[in-house]
Amino acid sequence: MLTLDHLVVVAPDLAKGVAHVRDCLGLDMPEGGRHPEMGTRNHLLRLGTSTFLEVIAVDPEAAPPARARWFGLGDAARVQADWEAGRRLRGFVARTDDLDTLLAAHPDLLGTAATMTRGTLSWRFGLRPDGTWPADGAAPCVMDWGDRPHPAGTMPDFGARLDDFSLTHPEPEAVAALHADLGLTDPPRIEPDPALRWTARIATPSGLRTLT
């Protein structure tokens, strides 16, 4: 089983990413932490008991990693181009309790397992050799938290909840088939459009807001 875990905004720098979420949702995101294996840093917003929103960017204070950064963050020009085009909500991460079997079935798409950390938290993550998104973000990155409780449960709760998550794509039927092949439960809605673009509708204390 593969289940939505968290949404990911990829930003040229954290301040821009947090400001974008504030503009869209009217909420500030608490700091998460640093990922020493990837040279990145994030802020996090709880969206439920087992779902959250992540804003992630390169950590300018960190040493460059020994391998390609995740979420395409090793390509600064592409990150900037996507940001300027409004592709800021770049994709999502899905969790499984059988990561090795999933990766073995889709090695070219999902990559190989790597252990990641943030503070005292650790998890296993499917990482492609070049660090890019699976299917340019139409498919999720995948991970396994192990036997620990989901970290969303310990995040501050500002009353934000994911209401809807959708994708536009030039080949919606192919993407829907890919999600089914991966075993994704409750897959996002997919609508035809020349551009790949994610949109999330999020319930906040000030009403329904849209994040792109």
N, C-alpha and C. Protein backbone atom coordinates (compact mmCIF):
# COMPACT_ATOMS: atom_id res chain seq x y z
N MET A 1 0.84 -1.19 0.00
CA MET A 1 0.00 0.00 0.00
C MET A 1 0.88 1.25 0.00
N LEU A 2 0.50 2.21 -0.82
CA LEU A 2 1.24 3.46 -0.95
C LEU A 2 0.26 4.59 -0.68
N THR A 3 0.57 5.43 0.31
CA THR A 3 -0.37 6.44 0.80
C THR A 3 0.27 7.81 0.81
N LEU A 4 -0.50 8.83 0.46
CA LEU A 4 -0.02 10.21 0.54
C LEU A 4 0.54 10.49 1.93
N ASP A 5 1.77 11.00 1.97
CA ASP A 5 2.38 11.36 3.24
C ASP A 5 2.49 12.87 3.40
N HIS A 6 3.15 13.52 2.43
CA HIS A 6 3.22 14.98 2.53
C HIS A 6 3.40 15.65 1.18
N LEU A 7 2.97 16.90 1.11
CA LEU A 7 3.11 17.73 -0.07
C LEU A 7 4.43 18.48 0.02
N VAL A 8 5.00 18.82 -1.14
CA VAL A 8 6.33 19.43 -1.14
C VAL A 8 6.36 20.68 -2.02
N VAL A 9 6.68 21.80 -1.41
CA VAL A 9 6.99 23.03 -2.12
C VAL A 9 8.51 23.12 -2.22
N VAL A 10 9.04 23.17 -3.43
CA VAL A 10 10.48 23.29 -3.65
C VAL A 10 10.79 24.75 -3.95
N ALA A 11 11.65 25.36 -3.16
CA ALA A 11 11.88 26.81 -3.24
C ALA A 11 13.34 27.12 -3.55
N PRO A 12 13.59 28.25 -4.22
CA PRO A 12 14.97 28.69 -4.43
C PRO A 12 15.68 28.99 -3.12
N ASP A 13 14.93 29.46 -2.12
CA ASP A 13 15.45 29.58 -0.76
C ASP A 13 14.27 29.51 0.19
N LEU A 14 14.55 29.19 1.45
CA LEU A 14 13.47 28.92 2.40
C LEU A 14 12.58 30.14 2.63
N ALA A 15 13.17 31.32 2.70
CA ALA A 15 12.38 32.52 2.97
C ALA A 15 11.31 32.72 1.90
N LYS A 16 11.68 32.51 0.64
CA LYS A 16 10.69 32.64 -0.44
C LYS A 16 9.61 31.58 -0.32
N GLY A 17 9.99 30.36 0.02
CA GLY A 17 9.01 29.29 0.15
C GLY A 17 8.03 29.54 1.26
N VAL A 18 8.52 29.95 2.42
CA VAL A 18 7.64 30.22 3.56
C VAL A 18 6.73 31.41 3.27
N ALA A 19 7.26 32.43 2.58
CA ALA A 19 6.45 33.59 2.23
C ALA A 19 5.34 33.21 1.25
N HIS A 20 5.65 32.30 0.32
CA HIS A 20 4.64 31.85 -0.64
C HIS A 20 3.50 31.15 0.09
N VAL A 21 3.82 30.27 1.02
CA VAL A 21 2.77 29.57 1.77
C VAL A 21 1.97 30.58 2.60
N ARG A 22 2.62 31.55 3.19
CA ARG A 22 1.92 32.58 3.97
C ARG A 22 0.95 33.36 3.08
N ASP A 23 1.40 33.71 1.87
CA ASP A 23 0.54 34.43 0.94
C ASP A 23 -0.67 33.59 0.53
N CYS A 24 -0.45 32.29 0.31
CA CYS A 24 -1.53 31.41 -0.14
C CYS A 24 -2.48 31.02 0.98
N LEU A 25 -1.95 30.70 2.15
CA LEU A 25 -2.76 30.10 3.21
C LEU A 25 -3.01 31.02 4.40
N GLY A 26 -2.25 32.12 4.49
CA GLY A 26 -2.38 32.99 5.64
C GLY A 26 -1.81 32.39 6.91
N LEU A 27 -0.87 31.45 6.77
CA LEU A 27 -0.28 30.77 7.91
C LEU A 27 1.24 30.78 7.81
N ASP A 28 1.89 30.90 8.96
CA ASP A 28 3.34 30.76 9.01
C ASP A 28 3.70 29.32 9.32
N MET A 29 4.79 28.87 8.71
CA MET A 29 5.22 27.49 8.89
C MET A 29 6.39 27.42 9.88
N PRO A 30 6.29 26.61 10.90
CA PRO A 30 7.43 26.44 11.81
C PRO A 30 8.62 25.79 11.11
N GLU A 31 9.79 26.07 11.62
CA GLU A 31 10.99 25.44 11.07
C GLU A 31 10.99 23.96 11.37
N GLY A 32 11.44 23.16 10.40
CA GLY A 32 11.61 21.73 10.61
C GLY A 32 13.03 21.44 11.07
N GLY A 33 13.96 21.46 10.11
CA GLY A 33 15.35 21.22 10.46
C GLY A 33 16.20 21.02 9.23
N ARG A 34 17.37 20.44 9.44
CA ARG A 34 18.34 20.22 8.37
C ARG A 34 18.46 18.73 8.05
N HIS A 35 18.79 18.47 6.78
CA HIS A 35 19.02 17.09 6.31
C HIS A 35 20.49 17.00 5.89
N PRO A 36 21.36 16.54 6.77
CA PRO A 36 22.79 16.56 6.45
C PRO A 36 23.17 15.72 5.24
N GLU A 37 22.41 14.65 4.97
CA GLU A 37 22.74 13.80 3.82
C GLU A 37 22.48 14.50 2.49
N MET A 38 21.61 15.50 2.49
CA MET A 38 21.20 16.17 1.26
C MET A 38 21.61 17.64 1.21
N GLY A 39 22.09 18.19 2.32
CA GLY A 39 22.43 19.61 2.34
C GLY A 39 21.23 20.49 2.13
N THR A 40 20.09 20.11 2.75
CA THR A 40 18.86 20.87 2.60
C THR A 40 18.27 21.19 3.97
N ARG A 41 17.25 22.04 3.94
CA ARG A 41 16.61 22.50 5.17
C ARG A 41 15.13 22.69 4.88
N ASN A 42 14.26 22.55 5.90
CA ASN A 42 12.84 22.67 5.62
C ASN A 42 12.06 23.37 6.71
N HIS A 43 10.84 23.76 6.36
CA HIS A 43 9.79 24.19 7.28
C HIS A 43 8.61 23.27 7.05
N LEU A 44 7.77 23.08 8.09
CA LEU A 44 6.71 22.08 8.04
C LEU A 44 5.41 22.63 8.59
N LEU A 45 4.28 22.23 7.98
CA LEU A 45 2.96 22.63 8.44
C LEU A 45 2.08 21.39 8.51
N ARG A 46 1.56 21.11 9.68
CA ARG A 46 0.69 19.95 9.86
C ARG A 46 -0.61 20.12 9.09
N LEU A 47 -1.02 19.06 8.38
CA LEU A 47 -2.28 19.06 7.64
C LEU A 47 -3.21 17.96 8.10
N GLY A 48 -2.88 17.29 9.19
CA GLY A 48 -3.68 16.19 9.71
C GLY A 48 -2.84 15.33 10.61
N THR A 49 -3.38 14.19 11.03
CA THR A 49 -2.66 13.32 11.95
C THR A 49 -1.49 12.61 11.30
N SER A 50 -1.55 12.46 9.96
CA SER A 50 -0.46 11.76 9.27
C SER A 50 -0.16 12.40 7.91
N THR A 51 -0.36 13.70 7.82
CA THR A 51 -0.11 14.44 6.58
C THR A 51 0.42 15.82 6.93
N PHE A 52 1.36 16.31 6.12
CA PHE A 52 1.87 17.66 6.36
C PHE A 52 2.34 18.27 5.05
N LEU A 53 2.63 19.56 5.12
CA LEU A 53 3.18 20.31 4.01
C LEU A 53 4.63 20.64 4.34
N GLU A 54 5.50 20.43 3.36
CA GLU A 54 6.92 20.74 3.53
C GLU A 54 7.35 21.80 2.52
N VAL A 55 8.06 22.80 3.00
CA VAL A 55 8.80 23.70 2.13
C VAL A 55 10.27 23.36 2.30
N ILE A 56 10.96 23.08 1.19
CA ILE A 56 12.34 22.64 1.26
C ILE A 56 13.20 23.43 0.28
N ALA A 57 14.44 23.67 0.68
CA ALA A 57 15.40 24.41 -0.15
C ALA A 57 16.80 23.96 0.22
N VAL A 58 17.75 24.32 -0.61
CA VAL A 58 19.16 24.06 -0.30
C VAL A 58 19.54 24.85 0.95
N ASP A 59 20.29 24.23 1.83
CA ASP A 59 20.81 24.88 3.03
C ASP A 59 22.15 25.52 2.68
N PRO A 60 22.23 26.85 2.60
CA PRO A 60 23.48 27.48 2.19
C PRO A 60 24.62 27.29 3.19
N GLU A 61 24.28 26.89 4.41
CA GLU A 61 25.30 26.69 5.43
C GLU A 61 25.85 25.27 5.45
N ALA A 62 25.24 24.38 4.66
CA ALA A 62 25.63 22.97 4.69
C ALA A 62 26.67 22.66 3.62
N ALA A 63 27.46 21.66 3.88
CA ALA A 63 28.42 21.18 2.87
C ALA A 63 27.64 20.50 1.75
N PRO A 64 28.12 20.58 0.52
CA PRO A 64 27.45 19.89 -0.59
C PRO A 64 27.43 18.38 -0.32
N PRO A 65 26.34 17.71 -0.67
CA PRO A 65 26.25 16.26 -0.42
C PRO A 65 27.13 15.48 -1.38
N ALA A 66 27.37 14.23 -1.03
CA ALA A 66 28.20 13.36 -1.87
C ALA A 66 27.43 12.82 -3.06
N ARG A 67 26.10 12.97 -3.07
CA ARG A 67 25.27 12.49 -4.17
C ARG A 67 24.28 13.58 -4.55
N ALA A 68 23.53 13.35 -5.60
CA ALA A 68 22.57 14.36 -6.08
C ALA A 68 21.51 14.65 -5.02
N ARG A 69 21.17 15.93 -4.88
CA ARG A 69 20.14 16.32 -3.92
C ARG A 69 18.77 15.84 -4.38
N TRP A 70 17.92 15.51 -3.41
CA TRP A 70 16.56 15.08 -3.72
C TRP A 70 15.71 16.24 -4.20
N PHE A 71 14.51 15.90 -4.73
CA PHE A 71 13.51 16.86 -5.20
C PHE A 71 14.06 17.79 -6.28
N GLY A 72 15.09 17.34 -7.01
CA GLY A 72 15.65 18.15 -8.07
C GLY A 72 16.39 19.38 -7.60
N LEU A 73 16.72 19.46 -6.31
CA LEU A 73 17.34 20.66 -5.76
C LEU A 73 18.79 20.84 -6.18
N GLY A 74 19.38 19.84 -6.84
CA GLY A 74 20.73 20.02 -7.34
C GLY A 74 20.80 20.87 -8.59
N ASP A 75 19.66 21.13 -9.22
CA ASP A 75 19.60 21.94 -10.44
C ASP A 75 18.96 23.27 -10.10
N ALA A 76 19.78 24.23 -9.66
CA ALA A 76 19.27 25.51 -9.20
C ALA A 76 18.53 26.27 -10.29
N ALA A 77 19.02 26.18 -11.53
CA ALA A 77 18.37 26.88 -12.63
C ALA A 77 16.96 26.34 -12.87
N ARG A 78 16.80 25.03 -12.80
CA ARG A 78 15.48 24.43 -12.99
C ARG A 78 14.55 24.79 -11.84
N VAL A 79 15.06 24.77 -10.63
CA VAL A 79 14.24 25.16 -9.48
C VAL A 79 13.74 26.59 -9.65
N GLN A 80 14.62 27.48 -10.07
CA GLN A 80 14.23 28.87 -10.27
C GLN A 80 13.22 29.01 -11.39
N ALA A 81 13.43 28.27 -12.49
CA ALA A 81 12.50 28.35 -13.61
C ALA A 81 11.12 27.84 -13.22
N ASP A 82 11.05 26.73 -12.48
CA ASP A 82 9.77 26.22 -12.02
C ASP A 82 9.10 27.23 -11.09
N TRP A 83 9.88 27.84 -10.23
CA TRP A 83 9.34 28.83 -9.28
C TRP A 83 8.72 30.01 -10.04
N GLU A 84 9.45 30.52 -11.01
CA GLU A 84 8.95 31.66 -11.77
C GLU A 84 7.73 31.30 -12.62
N ALA A 85 7.63 30.03 -13.02
CA ALA A 85 6.47 29.57 -13.80
C ALA A 85 5.27 29.24 -12.92
N GLY A 86 5.42 29.37 -11.61
CA GLY A 86 4.32 29.07 -10.70
C GLY A 86 4.21 27.62 -10.29
N ARG A 87 5.21 26.82 -10.66
CA ARG A 87 5.21 25.41 -10.26
C ARG A 87 5.94 25.31 -8.92
N ARG A 88 5.31 25.78 -7.90
CA ARG A 88 5.94 25.86 -6.58
C ARG A 88 5.58 24.66 -5.71
N LEU A 89 4.31 24.29 -5.72
CA LEU A 89 3.92 23.00 -5.15
C LEU A 89 4.34 21.96 -6.18
N ARG A 90 5.47 21.32 -5.94
CA ARG A 90 6.14 20.56 -6.99
C ARG A 90 5.76 19.09 -7.04
N GLY A 91 5.15 18.58 -5.97
CA GLY A 91 4.78 17.17 -5.96
C GLY A 91 4.47 16.69 -4.56
N PHE A 92 4.53 15.37 -4.38
CA PHE A 92 4.23 14.81 -3.07
C PHE A 92 5.10 13.58 -2.81
N VAL A 93 5.16 13.24 -1.54
CA VAL A 93 5.85 12.03 -1.09
C VAL A 93 4.79 11.07 -0.57
N ALA A 94 4.90 9.80 -0.95
CA ALA A 94 3.99 8.77 -0.48
C ALA A 94 4.76 7.77 0.38
N ARG A 95 4.10 7.25 1.38
CA ARG A 95 4.76 6.32 2.29
C ARG A 95 4.26 4.90 2.09
N THR A 96 5.15 3.98 2.41
CA THR A 96 4.84 2.55 2.33
C THR A 96 5.52 1.86 3.50
N ASP A 97 5.03 0.68 3.85
CA ASP A 97 5.71 -0.11 4.88
C ASP A 97 6.51 -1.25 4.26
N ASP A 98 6.66 -1.21 2.92
CA ASP A 98 7.44 -2.23 2.22
C ASP A 98 8.23 -1.55 1.11
N LEU A 99 9.13 -0.68 1.49
CA LEU A 99 9.86 0.14 0.52
C LEU A 99 10.71 -0.71 -0.41
N ASP A 100 11.37 -1.71 0.11
CA ASP A 100 12.28 -2.49 -0.72
C ASP A 100 11.54 -3.19 -1.87
N THR A 101 10.37 -3.75 -1.58
CA THR A 101 9.60 -4.42 -2.63
C THR A 101 9.15 -3.42 -3.69
N LEU A 102 8.70 -2.25 -3.24
CA LEU A 102 8.23 -1.22 -4.18
C LEU A 102 9.37 -0.74 -5.07
N LEU A 103 10.52 -0.49 -4.49
CA LEU A 103 11.66 -0.02 -5.28
C LEU A 103 12.16 -1.10 -6.23
N ALA A 104 12.12 -2.34 -5.80
CA ALA A 104 12.55 -3.44 -6.68
C ALA A 104 11.63 -3.58 -7.89
N ALA A 105 10.37 -3.24 -7.73
CA ALA A 105 9.42 -3.34 -8.82
C ALA A 105 9.50 -2.16 -9.79
N HIS A 106 10.03 -1.02 -9.31
CA HIS A 106 10.08 0.20 -10.14
C HIS A 106 11.43 0.91 -9.97
N PRO A 107 12.55 0.24 -10.20
CA PRO A 107 13.86 0.85 -9.92
C PRO A 107 14.17 2.06 -10.79
N ASP A 108 13.80 2.02 -12.06
CA ASP A 108 14.11 3.14 -12.94
C ASP A 108 13.30 4.38 -12.59
N LEU A 109 12.09 4.17 -12.11
CA LEU A 109 11.21 5.30 -11.76
C LEU A 109 11.53 5.87 -10.39
N LEU A 110 11.70 4.99 -9.40
CA LEU A 110 11.74 5.42 -8.00
C LEU A 110 13.13 5.43 -7.38
N GLY A 111 14.11 4.80 -8.01
CA GLY A 111 15.47 4.83 -7.50
C GLY A 111 15.75 3.74 -6.48
N THR A 112 16.70 4.03 -5.61
CA THR A 112 17.14 3.07 -4.59
C THR A 112 17.02 3.70 -3.21
N ALA A 113 17.00 2.85 -2.19
CA ALA A 113 16.77 3.32 -0.82
C ALA A 113 18.01 4.00 -0.24
N ALA A 114 17.78 5.10 0.45
CA ALA A 114 18.83 5.80 1.18
C ALA A 114 18.25 6.21 2.53
N THR A 115 19.09 6.21 3.55
CA THR A 115 18.65 6.62 4.89
C THR A 115 18.86 8.12 5.05
N MET A 116 17.82 8.82 5.47
CA MET A 116 17.85 10.26 5.68
C MET A 116 17.60 10.58 7.14
N THR A 117 18.06 11.74 7.57
CA THR A 117 17.85 12.15 8.96
C THR A 117 17.51 13.63 9.03
N ARG A 118 16.80 13.98 10.10
CA ARG A 118 16.56 15.37 10.49
C ARG A 118 16.53 15.38 12.00
N GLY A 119 17.60 15.90 12.61
CA GLY A 119 17.71 15.82 14.06
C GLY A 119 17.78 14.36 14.50
N THR A 120 16.88 13.99 15.41
CA THR A 120 16.86 12.61 15.91
C THR A 120 15.96 11.70 15.07
N LEU A 121 15.31 12.27 14.07
CA LEU A 121 14.39 11.50 13.23
C LEU A 121 15.15 10.88 12.06
N SER A 122 14.80 9.64 11.71
CA SER A 122 15.41 9.00 10.54
C SER A 122 14.34 8.22 9.79
N TRP A 123 14.56 8.05 8.48
CA TRP A 123 13.63 7.31 7.63
C TRP A 123 14.37 6.85 6.39
N ARG A 124 13.74 5.96 5.62
CA ARG A 124 14.31 5.49 4.36
C ARG A 124 13.53 6.09 3.20
N PHE A 125 14.27 6.47 2.16
CA PHE A 125 13.70 7.27 1.07
C PHE A 125 14.20 6.73 -0.26
N GLY A 126 13.31 6.64 -1.24
CA GLY A 126 13.69 6.23 -2.60
C GLY A 126 14.29 7.41 -3.35
N LEU A 127 15.54 7.29 -3.75
CA LEU A 127 16.25 8.40 -4.38
C LEU A 127 16.78 7.98 -5.74
N ARG A 128 16.38 8.70 -6.77
CA ARG A 128 16.90 8.45 -8.11
C ARG A 128 18.35 8.91 -8.21
N PRO A 129 19.16 8.30 -9.09
CA PRO A 129 20.59 8.65 -9.16
C PRO A 129 20.85 10.13 -9.41
N ASP A 130 19.97 10.78 -10.20
CA ASP A 130 20.17 12.20 -10.49
C ASP A 130 19.37 13.11 -9.56
N GLY A 131 18.65 12.53 -8.61
CA GLY A 131 17.91 13.31 -7.64
C GLY A 131 16.61 13.92 -8.14
N THR A 132 16.22 13.64 -9.38
CA THR A 132 15.03 14.26 -9.94
C THR A 132 13.75 13.59 -9.46
N TRP A 133 12.64 14.29 -9.64
CA TRP A 133 11.33 13.75 -9.30
C TRP A 133 10.97 12.58 -10.22
N PRO A 134 10.35 11.54 -9.72
CA PRO A 134 9.82 10.49 -10.59
C PRO A 134 8.79 11.08 -11.55
N ALA A 135 8.96 10.78 -12.84
CA ALA A 135 8.04 11.28 -13.87
C ALA A 135 7.87 12.79 -13.79
N ASP A 136 8.96 13.49 -13.49
CA ASP A 136 8.97 14.96 -13.39
C ASP A 136 7.97 15.47 -12.36
N GLY A 137 7.65 14.66 -11.37
CA GLY A 137 6.73 15.07 -10.31
C GLY A 137 5.32 14.56 -10.48
N ALA A 138 5.01 13.92 -11.61
CA ALA A 138 3.68 13.33 -11.78
C ALA A 138 3.50 12.11 -10.89
N ALA A 139 4.60 11.44 -10.58
CA ALA A 139 4.59 10.32 -9.64
C ALA A 139 5.27 10.76 -8.35
N PRO A 140 4.93 10.14 -7.23
CA PRO A 140 5.51 10.58 -5.96
C PRO A 140 6.91 10.03 -5.73
N CYS A 141 7.67 10.75 -4.93
CA CYS A 141 8.81 10.13 -4.26
C CYS A 141 8.24 9.21 -3.18
N VAL A 142 8.98 8.19 -2.80
CA VAL A 142 8.46 7.21 -1.85
C VAL A 142 9.39 7.07 -0.66
N MET A 143 8.80 6.69 0.47
CA MET A 143 9.57 6.61 1.71
C MET A 143 8.92 5.62 2.67
N ASP A 144 9.65 5.35 3.75
CA ASP A 144 9.17 4.46 4.80
C ASP A 144 9.65 5.04 6.13
N TRP A 145 8.69 5.37 7.02
CA TRP A 145 9.05 5.91 8.34
C TRP A 145 9.51 4.82 9.31
N GLY A 146 9.35 3.58 8.94
CA GLY A 146 9.69 2.50 9.87
C GLY A 146 8.58 2.32 10.90
N ASP A 147 8.94 1.85 12.08
CA ASP A 147 7.93 1.54 13.09
C ASP A 147 7.67 2.69 14.05
N ARG A 148 8.21 3.86 13.79
CA ARG A 148 8.01 5.02 14.67
C ARG A 148 6.68 5.70 14.34
N PRO A 149 6.10 6.44 15.31
CA PRO A 149 4.87 7.19 15.03
C PRO A 149 5.11 8.24 13.95
N HIS A 150 4.05 8.58 13.24
CA HIS A 150 4.18 9.59 12.19
C HIS A 150 4.55 10.94 12.81
N PRO A 151 5.51 11.66 12.24
CA PRO A 151 5.96 12.91 12.85
C PRO A 151 4.92 14.02 12.85
N ALA A 152 3.90 13.94 12.00
CA ALA A 152 2.88 14.99 12.01
C ALA A 152 2.21 15.12 13.37
N GLY A 153 2.15 14.00 14.09
CA GLY A 153 1.49 14.01 15.39
C GLY A 153 2.15 14.90 16.41
N THR A 154 3.43 15.22 16.22
CA THR A 154 4.14 16.08 17.17
C THR A 154 4.31 17.51 16.65
N MET A 155 3.79 17.80 15.47
CA MET A 155 3.90 19.16 14.92
C MET A 155 2.83 20.06 15.52
N PRO A 156 3.12 21.35 15.67
CA PRO A 156 2.07 22.28 16.12
C PRO A 156 0.88 22.25 15.18
N ASP A 157 -0.31 22.35 15.73
CA ASP A 157 -1.53 22.28 14.93
C ASP A 157 -2.14 23.67 14.82
N PHE A 158 -2.07 24.24 13.61
CA PHE A 158 -2.64 25.57 13.36
C PHE A 158 -4.01 25.49 12.67
N GLY A 159 -4.59 24.31 12.65
CA GLY A 159 -5.93 24.15 12.11
C GLY A 159 -6.00 23.97 10.61
N ALA A 160 -4.88 23.72 9.95
CA ALA A 160 -4.88 23.50 8.50
C ALA A 160 -5.14 22.03 8.20
N ARG A 161 -5.97 21.76 7.19
CA ARG A 161 -6.29 20.39 6.80
C ARG A 161 -6.36 20.31 5.28
N LEU A 162 -5.78 19.26 4.72
CA LEU A 162 -5.84 19.06 3.28
C LEU A 162 -7.26 18.68 2.87
N ASP A 163 -7.83 19.46 1.95
CA ASP A 163 -9.19 19.22 1.49
C ASP A 163 -9.21 18.56 0.12
N ASP A 164 -8.27 18.91 -0.76
CA ASP A 164 -8.25 18.37 -2.12
C ASP A 164 -6.85 18.54 -2.69
N PHE A 165 -6.45 17.59 -3.55
CA PHE A 165 -5.12 17.61 -4.15
C PHE A 165 -5.27 17.14 -5.58
N SER A 166 -4.85 17.95 -6.54
CA SER A 166 -5.10 17.61 -7.94
C SER A 166 -3.90 17.96 -8.82
N LEU A 167 -3.88 17.33 -9.99
CA LEU A 167 -2.79 17.49 -10.94
C LEU A 167 -3.35 17.77 -12.32
N THR A 168 -2.73 18.68 -13.04
CA THR A 168 -2.99 18.79 -14.48
C THR A 168 -1.78 18.21 -15.21
N HIS A 169 -2.07 17.55 -16.35
CA HIS A 169 -0.99 16.85 -17.06
C HIS A 169 -1.43 16.62 -18.51
N PRO A 170 -0.49 16.66 -19.46
CA PRO A 170 -0.87 16.43 -20.86
C PRO A 170 -1.31 15.01 -21.15
N GLU A 171 -0.98 14.05 -20.29
CA GLU A 171 -1.38 12.66 -20.48
C GLU A 171 -2.03 12.12 -19.20
N PRO A 172 -3.22 12.58 -18.88
CA PRO A 172 -3.83 12.19 -17.61
C PRO A 172 -4.10 10.70 -17.47
N GLU A 173 -4.49 10.05 -18.57
CA GLU A 173 -4.77 8.61 -18.49
C GLU A 173 -3.51 7.82 -18.16
N ALA A 174 -2.38 8.22 -18.76
CA ALA A 174 -1.12 7.52 -18.50
C ALA A 174 -0.69 7.71 -17.05
N VAL A 175 -0.88 8.90 -16.52
CA VAL A 175 -0.50 9.15 -15.12
C VAL A 175 -1.41 8.37 -14.18
N ALA A 176 -2.70 8.33 -14.47
CA ALA A 176 -3.62 7.57 -13.63
C ALA A 176 -3.25 6.08 -13.64
N ALA A 177 -2.85 5.57 -14.80
CA ALA A 177 -2.43 4.18 -14.89
C ALA A 177 -1.15 3.95 -14.08
N LEU A 178 -0.23 4.91 -14.12
CA LEU A 178 1.00 4.80 -13.34
C LEU A 178 0.70 4.77 -11.85
N HIS A 179 -0.19 5.65 -11.40
CA HIS A 179 -0.56 5.66 -9.98
C HIS A 179 -1.19 4.33 -9.57
N ALA A 180 -2.01 3.77 -10.45
CA ALA A 180 -2.63 2.48 -10.15
C ALA A 180 -1.58 1.37 -10.09
N ASP A 181 -0.62 1.43 -10.99
CA ASP A 181 0.45 0.42 -11.01
C ASP A 181 1.30 0.49 -9.75
N LEU A 182 1.48 1.68 -9.24
CA LEU A 182 2.25 1.85 -8.00
C LEU A 182 1.46 1.41 -6.77
N GLY A 183 0.16 1.26 -6.91
CA GLY A 183 -0.68 0.90 -5.78
C GLY A 183 -1.04 2.07 -4.90
N LEU A 184 -1.09 3.27 -5.48
CA LEU A 184 -1.37 4.48 -4.71
C LEU A 184 -2.84 4.49 -4.28
N THR A 185 -3.08 4.57 -2.99
CA THR A 185 -4.43 4.66 -2.47
C THR A 185 -4.91 6.11 -2.51
N ASP A 186 -6.19 6.31 -2.73
CA ASP A 186 -6.76 7.66 -2.81
C ASP A 186 -5.91 8.57 -3.69
N PRO A 187 -5.69 8.21 -4.95
CA PRO A 187 -4.84 9.02 -5.82
C PRO A 187 -5.45 10.39 -6.09
N PRO A 188 -4.62 11.36 -6.46
CA PRO A 188 -5.14 12.70 -6.74
C PRO A 188 -5.98 12.72 -8.01
N ARG A 189 -6.84 13.72 -8.11
CA ARG A 189 -7.56 13.95 -9.35
C ARG A 189 -6.57 14.43 -10.41
N ILE A 190 -6.79 14.02 -11.65
CA ILE A 190 -5.90 14.42 -12.75
C ILE A 190 -6.76 14.96 -13.87
N GLU A 191 -6.42 16.16 -14.34
CA GLU A 191 -7.16 16.80 -15.42
C GLU A 191 -6.22 17.11 -16.57
N PRO A 192 -6.73 17.09 -17.82
CA PRO A 192 -5.86 17.36 -18.96
C PRO A 192 -5.46 18.82 -19.07
N ASP A 193 -4.19 19.03 -19.35
CA ASP A 193 -3.66 20.38 -19.56
C ASP A 193 -2.25 20.23 -20.13
N PRO A 194 -1.80 21.15 -20.97
CA PRO A 194 -0.44 21.04 -21.51
C PRO A 194 0.66 21.08 -20.44
N ALA A 195 0.37 21.71 -19.29
CA ALA A 195 1.41 21.87 -18.26
C ALA A 195 1.16 20.95 -17.08
N LEU A 196 2.25 20.36 -16.56
CA LEU A 196 2.17 19.60 -15.32
C LEU A 196 2.15 20.60 -14.17
N ARG A 197 1.07 20.56 -13.39
CA ARG A 197 0.93 21.52 -12.29
C ARG A 197 0.08 20.91 -11.18
N TRP A 198 0.58 21.02 -9.96
CA TRP A 198 -0.15 20.54 -8.78
C TRP A 198 -0.88 21.70 -8.12
N THR A 199 -2.06 21.40 -7.58
CA THR A 199 -2.85 22.36 -6.80
C THR A 199 -3.41 21.66 -5.57
N ALA A 200 -3.29 22.31 -4.42
CA ALA A 200 -3.87 21.78 -3.19
C ALA A 200 -4.88 22.77 -2.64
N ARG A 201 -6.03 22.26 -2.27
CA ARG A 201 -7.01 23.09 -1.56
C ARG A 201 -6.94 22.72 -0.09
N ILE A 202 -6.71 23.73 0.73
CA ILE A 202 -6.44 23.48 2.14
C ILE A 202 -7.41 24.29 2.99
N ALA A 203 -8.09 23.62 3.93
CA ALA A 203 -8.97 24.28 4.87
C ALA A 203 -8.12 24.91 5.96
N THR A 204 -8.33 26.19 6.20
CA THR A 204 -7.61 26.93 7.24
C THR A 204 -8.62 27.62 8.14
N PRO A 205 -8.19 28.15 9.28
CA PRO A 205 -9.12 28.89 10.13
C PRO A 205 -9.79 30.08 9.44
N SER A 206 -9.19 30.57 8.36
CA SER A 206 -9.79 31.68 7.62
C SER A 206 -10.57 31.21 6.39
N GLY A 207 -10.77 29.90 6.25
CA GLY A 207 -11.52 29.36 5.14
C GLY A 207 -10.68 28.53 4.20
N LEU A 208 -11.27 28.06 3.08
CA LEU A 208 -10.57 27.26 2.10
C LEU A 208 -9.60 28.16 1.32
N ARG A 209 -8.38 27.70 1.21
CA ARG A 209 -7.34 28.46 0.48
C ARG A 209 -6.67 27.51 -0.52
N THR A 210 -6.07 28.09 -1.54
CA THR A 210 -5.45 27.30 -2.61
C THR A 210 -3.94 27.51 -2.62
N LEU A 211 -3.21 26.41 -2.73
CA LEU A 211 -1.75 26.44 -2.81
C LEU A 211 -1.31 25.84 -4.13
N THR A 212 -0.45 26.56 -4.85
CA THR A 212 0.08 26.06 -6.11
C THR A 212 1.60 26.14 -6.08
